[in-house]
Amino acid sequence: MAVETSTDGRPLYARLQVVRGFQTAETRRLCARVEAGTTVVSDGGQWFRYIAEQPGIVHQRHITGSDRASARHPAFRWANTMLANIKNSLLATHRAVGAKHLPRYLGAFAWRFNRRFILKTIHERLAIAATATPPMPYRLLKLAETRW
C-alpha cells in the first residue's frame, strides 16, 4: 500500500497492490514508479533498503514493532486507516474474499478512493472508460489473476 498525502498530511491518492513477498526484487519492481523527490515512510523492514539507495528519494524509517500501540504511530495513520476501511468494505460487500480476485477488489477500492473528490462525474467517467476500452477475450482477463 502506498498513500500519497498533501502538505497538511491528508490522504490524496492510494495505490494498492498484492505483493509476491517481501524480497528486494519485489520491492524493486513495486518502487520502479516512485518519482525522485518523494519521501517514502516505512516500518524499517529490510525489504525497504532498496528505496533508501535510490537517488532523489528520501526514506524515513520508523521501527515500530508489531503490537497494537505501534499501529497507532502517527507516521502510519492514513495507511492503517485505509487498511481498516478496505477490510470493512470487503467484508461488508463480499461473502468470501479469495486471493484469486484480491487484485480486482483492491483496484476497485483504490479507483473509488482516488476519485472521491469528483463524485459528480464518477458515473460519466466510468461510462467513458467502459466505452473506450476495447473488448477483451476471457483468456486475457484471466492473466490478471496469475500476474500478482
Protein backbone atom coordinates (compact mmCIF):
# COMPACT_ATOMS: atom_id res chain seq x y z
CA MET A 1 0.00 0.00 0.00
CA ALA A 2 1.15 3.47 -0.83
CA VAL A 3 -0.71 6.57 0.34
CA GLU A 4 0.14 9.97 -1.07
CA THR A 5 -0.58 12.78 1.35
CA SER A 6 -0.95 16.52 0.95
CA THR A 7 1.35 19.04 2.62
CA ASP A 8 -1.02 19.17 5.59
CA GLY A 9 -0.91 15.37 5.97
CA ARG A 10 -4.29 14.40 4.48
CA PRO A 11 -4.56 11.44 2.10
CA LEU A 12 -4.92 12.28 -1.58
CA TYR A 13 -4.33 9.08 -3.52
CA ALA A 14 -3.72 5.42 -2.79
CA ARG A 15 -2.12 2.56 -4.63
CA LEU A 16 -2.96 -0.94 -3.53
CA GLN A 17 -1.26 -4.00 -4.92
CA VAL A 18 -0.87 -7.62 -3.95
CA VAL A 19 2.80 -8.48 -3.48
CA ARG A 20 4.51 -11.81 -4.00
CA GLY A 21 6.58 -11.42 -0.86
CA PHE A 22 8.96 -9.07 0.83
CA GLN A 23 12.13 -9.59 -1.16
CA THR A 24 14.39 -6.95 -2.64
CA ALA A 25 13.42 -7.91 -6.21
CA GLU A 26 9.73 -7.39 -5.41
CA THR A 27 10.46 -4.05 -3.75
CA ARG A 28 12.47 -3.01 -6.80
CA ARG A 29 9.55 -3.88 -9.07
CA LEU A 30 6.99 -2.04 -6.95
CA CYS A 31 9.10 1.07 -6.46
CA ALA A 32 10.04 1.49 -10.11
CA ARG A 33 7.35 4.17 -10.43
CA VAL A 34 8.35 6.19 -7.36
CA GLU A 35 9.45 9.62 -8.54
CA ALA A 36 12.55 11.46 -7.38
CA GLY A 37 11.75 13.96 -4.65
CA THR A 38 9.35 11.55 -2.94
CA THR A 39 9.57 10.85 0.77
CA VAL A 40 8.88 7.19 1.49
CA VAL A 41 7.88 6.32 5.05
CA SER A 42 8.32 2.68 6.03
CA ASP A 43 8.31 0.49 9.11
CA GLY A 44 12.03 -0.20 8.78
CA GLY A 45 11.72 -3.63 7.18
CA GLN A 46 14.81 -4.92 5.40
CA TRP A 47 12.96 -5.05 2.07
CA PHE A 48 12.87 -1.24 2.04
CA ARG A 49 16.66 -0.91 1.87
CA TYR A 50 16.39 -0.69 -1.90
CA ILE A 51 14.34 2.51 -1.59
CA ALA A 52 16.99 4.17 0.57
CA GLU A 53 19.59 3.52 -2.14
CA GLN A 54 17.62 5.33 -4.87
CA PRO A 55 18.83 8.82 -5.77
CA GLY A 56 16.37 11.60 -5.06
CA ILE A 57 14.17 9.51 -2.74
CA VAL A 58 14.11 10.30 0.96
CA HIS A 59 13.49 7.26 3.15
CA GLN A 60 12.14 7.73 6.67
CA ARG A 61 12.32 4.56 8.75
CA HIS A 62 10.11 4.16 11.79
CA ILE A 63 10.86 0.93 13.61
CA THR A 64 7.64 0.26 15.49
CA GLY A 65 7.31 -3.42 16.34
CA SER A 66 4.11 -5.38 15.86
CA ASP A 67 1.94 -4.60 18.87
CA ARG A 68 -1.28 -2.58 18.94
CA ALA A 69 0.49 0.59 20.10
CA SER A 70 2.78 0.52 17.06
CA ALA A 71 -0.27 0.57 14.78
CA ARG A 72 -1.13 3.97 16.26
CA HIS A 73 2.19 5.50 15.19
CA PRO A 74 1.42 8.90 13.59
CA ALA A 75 3.53 8.16 10.50
CA PHE A 76 1.22 5.28 9.57
CA ARG A 77 -2.10 6.88 10.48
CA TRP A 78 -3.58 7.01 6.99
CA ALA A 79 -2.16 3.67 5.87
CA ASN A 80 -3.71 1.93 8.90
CA THR A 81 -6.99 3.84 8.48
CA MET A 82 -7.18 2.78 4.84
CA LEU A 83 -6.38 -0.85 5.68
CA ALA A 84 -9.27 -0.85 8.14
CA ASN A 85 -11.58 0.75 5.57
CA ILE A 86 -10.57 -1.79 2.93
CA LYS A 87 -11.18 -4.66 5.32
CA ASN A 88 -14.62 -3.36 6.29
CA SER A 89 -15.52 -2.64 2.68
CA LEU A 90 -14.56 -6.12 1.51
CA LEU A 91 -16.23 -7.94 4.36
CA ALA A 92 -19.43 -5.90 4.02
CA THR A 93 -19.63 -6.40 0.25
CA HIS A 94 -18.43 -9.95 -0.39
CA ARG A 95 -19.33 -13.24 1.22
CA ALA A 96 -15.82 -14.57 0.72
CA VAL A 97 -12.60 -12.89 -0.30
CA GLY A 98 -10.09 -15.11 -2.03
CA ALA A 99 -6.60 -14.47 -3.34
CA LYS A 100 -7.83 -15.14 -6.88
CA HIS A 101 -9.86 -11.91 -7.07
CA LEU A 102 -8.00 -9.82 -4.49
CA PRO A 103 -6.16 -7.66 -7.08
CA ARG A 104 -9.51 -6.66 -8.57
CA TYR A 105 -11.04 -5.87 -5.17
CA LEU A 106 -8.06 -3.69 -4.24
CA GLY A 107 -8.13 -2.00 -7.65
CA ALA A 108 -11.82 -1.18 -7.30
CA PHE A 109 -11.30 0.27 -3.82
CA ALA A 110 -8.35 2.39 -4.98
CA TRP A 111 -10.29 3.58 -8.05
CA ARG A 112 -13.16 4.84 -5.89
CA PHE A 113 -10.83 6.33 -3.27
CA ASN A 114 -8.73 8.22 -5.81
CA ARG A 115 -11.83 9.74 -7.41
CA ARG A 116 -13.73 10.64 -4.25
CA PHE A 117 -13.34 14.38 -4.82
CA ILE A 118 -15.02 14.26 -8.22
CA LEU A 119 -18.13 12.25 -7.35
CA LYS A 120 -20.39 14.32 -9.61
CA THR A 121 -18.66 12.94 -12.68
CA ILE A 122 -17.81 9.43 -11.46
CA HIS A 123 -20.60 7.72 -13.42
CA GLU A 124 -19.77 9.67 -16.55
CA ARG A 125 -16.07 8.80 -16.23
CA LEU A 126 -16.90 5.13 -15.70
CA ALA A 127 -19.10 5.12 -18.82
CA ILE A 128 -16.33 6.78 -20.85
CA ALA A 129 -13.78 4.25 -19.61
CA ALA A 130 -16.15 1.36 -20.38
CA THR A 131 -16.85 2.55 -23.91
CA ALA A 132 -13.22 3.43 -24.64
CA THR A 133 -11.93 0.04 -23.53
CA PRO A 134 -11.80 -2.48 -26.37
CA PRO A 135 -13.34 -5.93 -25.94
CA MET A 136 -11.03 -8.37 -24.23
CA PRO A 137 -11.15 -12.15 -24.55
CA TYR A 138 -11.69 -14.10 -21.35
CA ARG A 139 -8.26 -15.74 -21.63
CA LEU A 140 -6.62 -12.29 -21.41
CA LEU A 141 -8.78 -11.29 -18.45
CA LYS A 142 -7.60 -14.41 -16.65
CA LEU A 143 -3.98 -13.26 -16.99
CA ALA A 144 -4.63 -10.62 -14.34
CA GLU A 145 -5.32 -13.36 -11.81
CA THR A 146 -1.92 -15.01 -12.26
CA ARG A 147 0.07 -11.81 -12.58
CA TRP A 148 0.05 -10.77 -8.94
